[in-house]
Amino acid sequence: MDDDPGIRQIASTILRDAGYAVIEANDGLQAWTVFGRDPTAFHMLVADVVMPRMPGTELAARVHELHPELPVVLMSGYTNTDLLARGFVPVHGTC
């Protein structure tokens, strides 16, 4: 979800309060490992664009290889300019 524990906790709390079951991951690689155990158990992926060990964009691409219809929400605290400087291309809509 997010590599920042505070942001991850807030986002998880909001989703749980809305009735969603949430599985948290500290970074992209951990999220990929958890997802890989049972891809069909997930109904949505929420991930930070910039994470250690695997960026959210790569995680989303891998997830869609196994579960192409899964909705993905990518979030970031970085501005579009910062993301472009890091080599990420901001995309609006579905990936």
N, C-alpha and C. Protein backbone atom coordinates (compact mmCIF):
# COMPACT_ATOMS: atom_id res chain seq x y z
N MET A 1 0.84 -1.19 0.00
CA MET A 1 0.00 0.00 0.00
C MET A 1 0.88 1.24 0.00
N ASP A 2 1.59 1.48 1.10
CA ASP A 2 2.44 2.66 1.19
C ASP A 2 3.61 2.32 2.08
N ASP A 3 4.80 2.81 1.74
CA ASP A 3 5.97 2.51 2.55
C ASP A 3 6.06 3.39 3.79
N ASP A 4 5.30 4.47 3.87
CA ASP A 4 5.28 5.33 5.05
C ASP A 4 4.25 4.76 6.03
N PRO A 5 4.69 4.31 7.22
CA PRO A 5 3.76 3.67 8.16
C PRO A 5 2.56 4.55 8.53
N GLY A 6 2.76 5.85 8.69
CA GLY A 6 1.67 6.74 9.06
C GLY A 6 0.61 6.84 7.97
N ILE A 7 1.06 7.01 6.75
CA ILE A 7 0.13 7.09 5.61
C ILE A 7 -0.59 5.75 5.44
N ARG A 8 0.17 4.66 5.55
CA ARG A 8 -0.42 3.33 5.41
C ARG A 8 -1.50 3.10 6.48
N GLN A 9 -1.24 3.53 7.70
CA GLN A 9 -2.21 3.35 8.78
C GLN A 9 -3.48 4.16 8.53
N ILE A 10 -3.32 5.41 8.11
CA ILE A 10 -4.48 6.26 7.83
C ILE A 10 -5.32 5.67 6.69
N ALA A 11 -4.65 5.29 5.60
CA ALA A 11 -5.38 4.74 4.45
C ALA A 11 -6.07 3.43 4.83
N SER A 12 -5.39 2.58 5.58
CA SER A 12 -5.98 1.31 6.01
C SER A 12 -7.18 1.53 6.91
N THR A 13 -7.07 2.47 7.82
CA THR A 13 -8.18 2.77 8.73
C THR A 13 -9.40 3.27 7.96
N ILE A 14 -9.17 4.17 7.01
CA ILE A 14 -10.27 4.69 6.20
C ILE A 14 -10.95 3.56 5.43
N LEU A 15 -10.17 2.69 4.82
CA LEU A 15 -10.74 1.58 4.06
C LEU A 15 -11.47 0.59 4.96
N ARG A 16 -10.88 0.27 6.11
CA ARG A 16 -11.54 -0.65 7.05
C ARG A 16 -12.84 -0.05 7.58
N ASP A 17 -12.81 1.24 7.91
CA ASP A 17 -14.03 1.92 8.39
C ASP A 17 -15.13 1.91 7.33
N ALA A 18 -14.74 1.85 6.06
CA ALA A 18 -15.70 1.80 4.96
C ALA A 18 -16.16 0.36 4.69
N GLY A 19 -15.65 -0.59 5.47
CA GLY A 19 -16.10 -1.97 5.35
C GLY A 19 -15.21 -2.89 4.54
N TYR A 20 -14.04 -2.42 4.12
CA TYR A 20 -13.15 -3.25 3.32
C TYR A 20 -12.20 -4.06 4.20
N ALA A 21 -11.87 -5.25 3.77
CA ALA A 21 -10.80 -6.02 4.38
C ALA A 21 -9.50 -5.52 3.77
N VAL A 22 -8.49 -5.28 4.58
CA VAL A 22 -7.24 -4.69 4.10
C VAL A 22 -6.07 -5.57 4.50
N ILE A 23 -5.20 -5.82 3.54
CA ILE A 23 -3.94 -6.50 3.80
C ILE A 23 -2.85 -5.49 3.50
N GLU A 24 -2.04 -5.18 4.50
CA GLU A 24 -1.00 -4.16 4.35
C GLU A 24 0.34 -4.78 3.95
N ALA A 25 1.13 -3.99 3.24
CA ALA A 25 2.49 -4.38 2.88
C ALA A 25 3.40 -3.18 3.09
N ASN A 26 4.63 -3.45 3.50
CA ASN A 26 5.61 -2.39 3.77
C ASN A 26 6.25 -1.83 2.51
N ASP A 27 6.28 -2.62 1.45
CA ASP A 27 6.92 -2.18 0.21
C ASP A 27 6.34 -2.98 -0.96
N GLY A 28 6.75 -2.63 -2.15
CA GLY A 28 6.22 -3.27 -3.33
C GLY A 28 6.51 -4.75 -3.44
N LEU A 29 7.70 -5.16 -3.05
CA LEU A 29 8.06 -6.57 -3.14
C LEU A 29 7.23 -7.41 -2.17
N GLN A 30 7.03 -6.90 -0.95
CA GLN A 30 6.20 -7.62 0.00
C GLN A 30 4.76 -7.72 -0.51
N ALA A 31 4.24 -6.65 -1.09
CA ALA A 31 2.89 -6.67 -1.64
C ALA A 31 2.79 -7.70 -2.76
N TRP A 32 3.79 -7.76 -3.63
CA TRP A 32 3.80 -8.72 -4.72
C TRP A 32 3.81 -10.16 -4.18
N THR A 33 4.61 -10.40 -3.15
CA THR A 33 4.69 -11.73 -2.55
C THR A 33 3.35 -12.15 -1.96
N VAL A 34 2.72 -11.25 -1.23
CA VAL A 34 1.41 -11.54 -0.62
C VAL A 34 0.37 -11.77 -1.71
N PHE A 35 0.35 -10.92 -2.72
CA PHE A 35 -0.61 -11.04 -3.81
C PHE A 35 -0.43 -12.37 -4.54
N GLY A 36 0.81 -12.77 -4.75
CA GLY A 36 1.11 -13.98 -5.50
C GLY A 36 0.61 -15.25 -4.84
N ARG A 37 0.37 -15.22 -3.54
CA ARG A 37 -0.12 -16.41 -2.84
C ARG A 37 -1.52 -16.79 -3.28
N ASP A 38 -2.37 -15.80 -3.58
CA ASP A 38 -3.74 -16.07 -4.03
C ASP A 38 -4.29 -14.84 -4.73
N PRO A 39 -3.92 -14.62 -5.99
CA PRO A 39 -4.35 -13.42 -6.71
C PRO A 39 -5.86 -13.22 -6.79
N THR A 40 -6.62 -14.30 -6.80
CA THR A 40 -8.07 -14.18 -6.93
C THR A 40 -8.75 -13.74 -5.63
N ALA A 41 -8.00 -13.69 -4.53
CA ALA A 41 -8.58 -13.27 -3.25
C ALA A 41 -8.70 -11.76 -3.14
N PHE A 42 -8.10 -11.03 -4.07
CA PHE A 42 -8.07 -9.58 -3.99
C PHE A 42 -9.11 -8.95 -4.90
N HIS A 43 -9.71 -7.85 -4.42
CA HIS A 43 -10.73 -7.14 -5.19
C HIS A 43 -10.25 -5.79 -5.67
N MET A 44 -9.11 -5.32 -5.15
CA MET A 44 -8.54 -4.04 -5.57
C MET A 44 -7.11 -3.95 -5.02
N LEU A 45 -6.28 -3.24 -5.74
CA LEU A 45 -4.93 -2.93 -5.28
C LEU A 45 -4.81 -1.42 -5.11
N VAL A 46 -4.36 -0.99 -3.93
CA VAL A 46 -4.05 0.41 -3.68
C VAL A 46 -2.57 0.46 -3.35
N ALA A 47 -1.80 1.23 -4.11
CA ALA A 47 -0.35 1.25 -3.91
C ALA A 47 0.21 2.65 -4.13
N ASP A 48 1.29 2.91 -3.45
CA ASP A 48 2.05 4.14 -3.64
C ASP A 48 2.86 4.00 -4.92
N VAL A 49 3.00 5.06 -5.66
CA VAL A 49 3.80 5.03 -6.89
C VAL A 49 5.26 4.79 -6.56
N VAL A 50 5.79 5.48 -5.55
CA VAL A 50 7.20 5.38 -5.18
C VAL A 50 7.31 4.57 -3.89
N MET A 51 7.84 3.35 -4.00
CA MET A 51 8.04 2.47 -2.85
C MET A 51 9.40 1.80 -2.97
N PRO A 52 9.97 1.40 -1.83
CA PRO A 52 11.23 0.65 -1.89
C PRO A 52 11.03 -0.73 -2.51
N ARG A 53 12.08 -1.25 -3.08
CA ARG A 53 12.19 -2.61 -3.62
C ARG A 53 11.31 -2.90 -4.82
N MET A 54 10.22 -2.18 -5.03
CA MET A 54 9.43 -2.30 -6.25
C MET A 54 8.43 -1.15 -6.29
N PRO A 55 8.51 -0.29 -7.30
CA PRO A 55 7.56 0.82 -7.37
C PRO A 55 6.15 0.33 -7.65
N GLY A 56 5.17 1.13 -7.27
CA GLY A 56 3.78 0.78 -7.47
C GLY A 56 3.42 0.55 -8.93
N THR A 57 4.07 1.25 -9.83
CA THR A 57 3.79 1.06 -11.26
C THR A 57 4.20 -0.34 -11.71
N GLU A 58 5.34 -0.81 -11.25
CA GLU A 58 5.78 -2.17 -11.59
C GLU A 58 4.87 -3.20 -10.92
N LEU A 59 4.51 -2.95 -9.65
CA LEU A 59 3.59 -3.84 -8.94
C LEU A 59 2.27 -3.95 -9.70
N ALA A 60 1.73 -2.82 -10.13
CA ALA A 60 0.46 -2.83 -10.87
C ALA A 60 0.58 -3.62 -12.16
N ALA A 61 1.69 -3.45 -12.87
CA ALA A 61 1.89 -4.19 -14.13
C ALA A 61 1.95 -5.69 -13.88
N ARG A 62 2.66 -6.10 -12.84
CA ARG A 62 2.76 -7.52 -12.50
C ARG A 62 1.40 -8.08 -12.07
N VAL A 63 0.69 -7.32 -11.26
CA VAL A 63 -0.63 -7.74 -10.79
C VAL A 63 -1.56 -7.95 -11.97
N HIS A 64 -1.53 -7.03 -12.93
CA HIS A 64 -2.41 -7.15 -14.09
C HIS A 64 -2.06 -8.32 -14.99
N GLU A 65 -0.83 -8.81 -14.91
CA GLU A 65 -0.47 -10.02 -15.68
C GLU A 65 -1.22 -11.23 -15.13
N LEU A 66 -1.42 -11.28 -13.81
CA LEU A 66 -2.11 -12.42 -13.19
C LEU A 66 -3.61 -12.21 -13.03
N HIS A 67 -4.00 -10.96 -12.91
CA HIS A 67 -5.41 -10.63 -12.60
C HIS A 67 -5.77 -9.34 -13.35
N PRO A 68 -5.93 -9.44 -14.70
CA PRO A 68 -6.06 -8.24 -15.54
C PRO A 68 -7.27 -7.36 -15.25
N GLU A 69 -8.32 -7.92 -14.67
CA GLU A 69 -9.52 -7.11 -14.41
C GLU A 69 -9.50 -6.44 -13.04
N LEU A 70 -8.47 -6.66 -12.26
CA LEU A 70 -8.39 -6.09 -10.92
C LEU A 70 -8.21 -4.57 -10.98
N PRO A 71 -9.09 -3.81 -10.31
CA PRO A 71 -8.91 -2.36 -10.26
C PRO A 71 -7.64 -2.00 -9.48
N VAL A 72 -6.92 -1.00 -9.96
CA VAL A 72 -5.70 -0.54 -9.31
C VAL A 72 -5.80 0.96 -9.08
N VAL A 73 -5.48 1.37 -7.85
CA VAL A 73 -5.41 2.79 -7.51
C VAL A 73 -3.96 3.07 -7.11
N LEU A 74 -3.31 3.95 -7.86
CA LEU A 74 -1.95 4.37 -7.53
C LEU A 74 -2.02 5.76 -6.94
N MET A 75 -1.33 5.96 -5.82
CA MET A 75 -1.33 7.25 -5.15
C MET A 75 0.10 7.71 -4.95
N SER A 76 0.24 9.01 -4.72
CA SER A 76 1.57 9.55 -4.48
C SER A 76 1.48 10.89 -3.79
N GLY A 77 2.42 11.14 -2.92
CA GLY A 77 2.56 12.44 -2.30
C GLY A 77 3.42 13.37 -3.14
N TYR A 78 4.02 12.82 -4.21
CA TYR A 78 4.86 13.62 -5.09
C TYR A 78 4.00 14.36 -6.11
N THR A 79 4.48 15.50 -6.56
CA THR A 79 3.79 16.23 -7.63
C THR A 79 4.11 15.55 -8.96
N ASN A 80 3.35 15.88 -9.99
CA ASN A 80 3.63 15.33 -11.31
C ASN A 80 5.04 15.68 -11.77
N THR A 81 5.50 16.88 -11.46
CA THR A 81 6.86 17.29 -11.83
C THR A 81 7.89 16.40 -11.16
N ASP A 82 7.70 16.12 -9.86
CA ASP A 82 8.63 15.23 -9.13
C ASP A 82 8.61 13.83 -9.71
N LEU A 83 7.40 13.33 -10.03
CA LEU A 83 7.30 11.98 -10.60
C LEU A 83 7.98 11.91 -11.95
N LEU A 84 7.79 12.93 -12.78
CA LEU A 84 8.47 12.96 -14.08
C LEU A 84 9.98 12.96 -13.92
N ALA A 85 10.49 13.70 -12.94
CA ALA A 85 11.93 13.75 -12.69
C ALA A 85 12.46 12.39 -12.24
N ARG A 86 11.60 11.58 -11.59
CA ARG A 86 11.98 10.24 -11.16
C ARG A 86 11.76 9.20 -12.25
N GLY A 87 11.25 9.61 -13.41
CA GLY A 87 11.05 8.70 -14.52
C GLY A 87 9.66 8.09 -14.59
N PHE A 88 8.75 8.52 -13.74
CA PHE A 88 7.38 8.01 -13.77
C PHE A 88 6.52 8.92 -14.64
N VAL A 89 5.62 8.33 -15.36
CA VAL A 89 4.70 9.10 -16.19
C VAL A 89 3.33 9.04 -15.52
N PRO A 90 2.83 10.19 -15.01
CA PRO A 90 1.51 10.19 -14.39
C PRO A 90 0.43 9.79 -15.38
N VAL A 91 -0.46 8.91 -14.95
CA VAL A 91 -1.54 8.43 -15.79
C VAL A 91 -2.83 8.60 -15.03
N HIS A 92 -3.85 9.11 -15.70
CA HIS A 92 -5.17 9.26 -15.10
C HIS A 92 -6.08 8.21 -15.74
N GLY A 93 -6.90 7.57 -14.95
CA GLY A 93 -7.80 6.56 -15.46
C GLY A 93 -7.27 5.17 -15.15
N THR A 94 -7.57 4.22 -16.00
CA THR A 94 -7.15 2.85 -15.74
C THR A 94 -5.77 2.61 -16.30
N CYS A 95 -5.08 1.63 -15.72
CA CYS A 95 -3.74 1.29 -16.23
C CYS A 95 -3.79 0.08 -17.09
